[in-house]
C-alpha atoms as a PDB file:
ATOM      1  CA  MET A   1     138.713 -83.907 -56.007  1.00  0.00           C
ATOM      2  CA  ALA A   2     137.727 -87.059 -54.108  1.00  0.00           C
ATOM      3  CA  TRP A   3     134.273 -85.647 -53.367  1.00  0.00           C
ATOM      4  CA  LEU A   4     133.793 -84.857 -57.068  1.00  0.00           C
ATOM      5  CA  PHE A   5     134.666 -88.457 -57.972  1.00  0.00           C
ATOM      6  CA  LEU A   6     132.327 -89.671 -55.250  1.00  0.00           C
ATOM      7  CA  SER A   7     129.522 -87.473 -56.608  1.00  0.00           C
ATOM      8  CA  ILE A   8     130.011 -88.931 -60.075  1.00  0.00           C
ATOM      9  CA  ALA A   9     130.037 -92.437 -58.577  1.00  0.00           C
ATOM     10  CA  ILE A  10     126.716 -91.681 -56.873  1.00  0.00           C
ATOM     11  CA  VAL A  11     125.151 -90.674 -60.198  1.00  0.00           C
ATOM     12  CA  PHE A  12     126.375 -93.948 -61.700  1.00  0.00           C
ATOM     13  CA  GLU A  13     125.001 -95.851 -58.680  1.00  0.00           C
ATOM     14  CA  ILE A  14     121.547 -94.340 -59.171  1.00  0.00           C
ATOM     15  CA  ALA A  15     121.666 -95.064 -62.910  1.00  0.00           C
ATOM     16  CA  PHE A  16     122.733 -98.646 -62.163  1.00  0.00           C
ATOM     17  CA  ALA A  17     119.864 -99.232 -59.734  1.00  0.00           C
ATOM     18  CA  LEU A  18     117.247 -97.733 -62.041  1.00  0.00           C
ATOM     19  CA  GLY A  19     118.691 -99.540 -65.040  1.00  0.00           C
ATOM     20  CA  THR A  20     118.562-102.865 -63.231  1.00  0.00           C
ATOM     21  CA  ASN A  21     114.792-102.504 -62.975  1.00  0.00           C
ATOM     22  CA  ALA A  22     114.575-101.846 -66.722  1.00  0.00           C
ATOM     23  CA  THR A  23     116.585-104.961 -67.650  1.00  0.00           C
ATOM     24  CA  GLN A  24     113.736-107.268 -66.583  1.00  0.00           C
ATOM     25  CA  GLY A  25     116.170-109.809 -65.187  1.00  0.00           C
ATOM     26  CA  PHE A  26     118.832-108.944 -67.774  1.00  0.00           C
ATOM     27  CA  THR A  27     116.595-110.164 -70.572  1.00  0.00           C
ATOM     28  CA  LYS A  28     116.557-106.774 -72.357  1.00  0.00           C
ATOM     29  CA  LEU A  29     119.797-106.082 -74.256  1.00  0.00           C
ATOM     30  CA  TRP A  30     120.171-102.289 -74.190  1.00  0.00           C
ATOM     31  CA  PRO A  31     118.993-101.719 -70.631  1.00  0.00           C
ATOM     32  CA  SER A  32     121.381-104.521 -69.614  1.00  0.00           C
ATOM     33  CA  VAL A  33     124.299-102.883 -71.441  1.00  0.00           C
ATOM     34  CA  PHE A  34     123.433 -99.517 -69.865  1.00  0.00           C
ATOM     35  CA  THR A  35     123.215-101.099 -66.412  1.00  0.00           C
ATOM     36  CA  LEU A  36     126.563-102.864 -66.702  1.00  0.00           C
ATOM     37  CA  LEU A  37     128.252 -99.677 -67.940  1.00  0.00           C
ATOM     38  CA  ALA A  38     126.719 -97.679 -65.090  1.00  0.00           C
ATOM     39  CA  ALA A  39     127.874-100.271 -62.545  1.00  0.00           C
ATOM     40  CA  SER A  40     131.390-100.218 -64.003  1.00  0.00           C
ATOM     41  CA  GLY A  41     131.491 -96.426 -64.029  1.00  0.00           C
ATOM     42  CA  GLY A  42     130.291 -96.283 -60.441  1.00  0.00           C
ATOM     43  CA  ILE A  43     132.876 -98.725 -59.160  1.00  0.00           C
ATOM     44  CA  PHE A  44     135.651 -97.030 -61.135  1.00  0.00           C
ATOM     45  CA  THR A  45     134.859 -93.517 -59.907  1.00  0.00           C
ATOM     46  CA  LEU A  46     134.314 -94.805 -56.365  1.00  0.00           C
ATOM     47  CA  SER A  47     137.787 -96.340 -56.496  1.00  0.00           C
ATOM     48  CA  LEU A  48     139.204 -92.960 -57.548  1.00  0.00           C
ATOM     49  CA  ALA A  49     137.459 -91.277 -54.602  1.00  0.00           C
ATOM     50  CA  LEU A  50     138.795 -93.921 -52.219  1.00  0.00           C
ATOM     51  CA  ARG A  51     142.357 -92.978 -53.098  1.00  0.00           C
ATOM     52  CA  THR A  52     141.852 -90.074 -50.688  1.00  0.00           C
ATOM     53  CA  LEU A  53     138.717 -90.836 -48.660  1.00  0.00           C
ATOM     54  CA  ASP A  54     138.509 -93.510 -46.010  1.00  0.00           C
ATOM     55  CA  VAL A  55     136.590 -96.495 -47.345  1.00  0.00           C
ATOM     56  CA  SER A  56     134.232 -96.300 -44.370  1.00  0.00           C
ATOM     57  CA  VAL A  57     133.243 -92.771 -45.373  1.00  0.00           C
ATOM     58  CA  GLY A  58     133.318 -93.114 -49.159  1.00  0.00           C
ATOM     59  CA  TYR A  59     131.401 -96.363 -49.390  1.00  0.00           C
ATOM     60  CA  THR A  60     128.798 -95.330 -46.830  1.00  0.00           C
ATOM     61  CA  VAL A  61     128.132 -92.006 -48.533  1.00  0.00           C
ATOM     62  CA  TRP A  62     128.075 -93.708 -51.963  1.00  0.00           C
ATOM     63  CA  THR A  63     125.506 -96.298 -50.961  1.00  0.00           C
ATOM     64  CA  GLY A  64     123.496 -93.974 -48.714  1.00  0.00           C
ATOM     65  CA  ILE A  65     123.088 -91.060 -51.097  1.00  0.00           C
ATOM     66  CA  GLY A  66     122.757 -93.507 -54.004  1.00  0.00           C
ATOM     67  CA  SER A  67     119.885 -95.171 -52.172  1.00  0.00           C
ATOM     68  CA  ILE A  68     118.142 -91.863 -51.569  1.00  0.00           C
ATOM     69  CA  GLY A  69     118.549 -90.871 -55.215  1.00  0.00           C
ATOM     70  CA  THR A  70     117.229 -94.232 -56.310  1.00  0.00           C
ATOM     71  CA  VAL A  71     114.108 -93.863 -54.173  1.00  0.00           C
ATOM     72  CA  ILE A  72     113.475 -90.309 -55.393  1.00  0.00           C
ATOM     73  CA  PHE A  73     113.925 -91.174 -59.065  1.00  0.00           C
ATOM     74  CA  SER A  74     111.949 -94.404 -58.656  1.00  0.00           C
ATOM     75  CA  ALA A  75     109.052 -92.300 -57.380  1.00  0.00           C
ATOM     76  CA  ILE A  76     109.346 -89.995 -60.387  1.00  0.00           C
ATOM     77  CA  ILE A  77     109.979 -92.597 -63.091  1.00  0.00           C
ATOM     78  CA  PHE A  78     108.184 -95.689 -61.795  1.00  0.00           C
ATOM     79  CA  LYS A  79     105.524 -93.899 -59.686  1.00  0.00           C
ATOM     80  CA  GLU A  80     106.611 -95.619 -56.463  1.00  0.00           C
ATOM     81  CA  LYS A  81     105.159 -94.145 -53.264  1.00  0.00           C
ATOM     82  CA  ILE A  82     107.290 -92.210 -50.794  1.00  0.00           C
ATOM     83  CA  THR A  83     105.892 -92.942 -47.327  1.00  0.00           C
ATOM     84  CA  PRO A  84     106.570 -91.155 -44.039  1.00  0.00           C
ATOM     85  CA  ALA A  85     108.777 -94.084 -43.015  1.00  0.00           C
ATOM     86  CA  LYS A  86     110.839 -93.627 -46.179  1.00  0.00           C
ATOM     87  CA  LEU A  87     111.155 -89.892 -45.465  1.00  0.00           C
ATOM     88  CA  ALA A  88     112.383 -90.596 -41.928  1.00  0.00           C
ATOM     89  CA  SER A  89     114.911 -93.060 -43.321  1.00  0.00           C
ATOM     90  CA  PHE A  90     116.146 -90.469 -45.839  1.00  0.00           C
ATOM     91  CA  ALA A  91     116.683 -87.978 -43.024  1.00  0.00           C
ATOM     92  CA  ALA A  92     118.689 -90.540 -41.056  1.00  0.00           C
ATOM     93  CA  ILE A  93     120.844 -91.399 -44.080  1.00  0.00           C
ATOM     94  CA  ILE A  94     121.509 -87.761 -44.947  1.00  0.00           C
ATOM     95  CA  GLY A  95     122.320 -86.954 -41.323  1.00  0.00           C
ATOM     96  CA  GLY A  96     124.689 -89.895 -41.095  1.00  0.00           C
ATOM     97  CA  ALA A  97     126.411 -88.994 -44.351  1.00  0.00           C
ATOM     98  CA  LEU A  98     126.905 -85.399 -43.200  1.00  0.00           C
ATOM     99  CA  ILE A  99     128.329 -86.518 -39.862  1.00  0.00           C
ATOM    100  CA  LEU A 100     130.729 -88.899 -41.646  1.00  0.00           C
ATOM    101  CA  LYS A 101     131.864 -86.095 -43.954  1.00  0.00           C
ATOM    102  CA  LEU A 102     132.482 -83.817 -40.973  1.00  0.00           C
ATOM    103  CA  ALA A 103     134.230 -86.591 -39.052  1.00  0.00           C
ATOM    104  CA  ALA A 104     136.517 -87.219 -42.015  1.00  0.00           C
ATOM    105  CA  GLY A 105     137.545 -83.570 -41.935  1.00  0.00           C
ATOM    106  CA  ALA A 106     136.926 -83.229 -45.661  1.00  0.00           C
END
């Protein structure tokens, strides 16, 4: 169940990051409301996951996979470029997250 909560938290994390861009410095009302709700949802579901997972594993996976999702969706939505350096970084993050999951025995 912890990994399900963590997965939901990751979705909220990606929504939060993308929403932050749309707020234009929190000057746009509805994107700002969306962003604050996404941030709250992410922290709440992360806290549920951390009831079972070690914080070192849960937080690292949350931020790492959230970062990858943010880059991917930023490329799709905002037409940002994905460079070879970004791809190498993604591979390192995914590899690290998988090793942490295995090390946690979950």
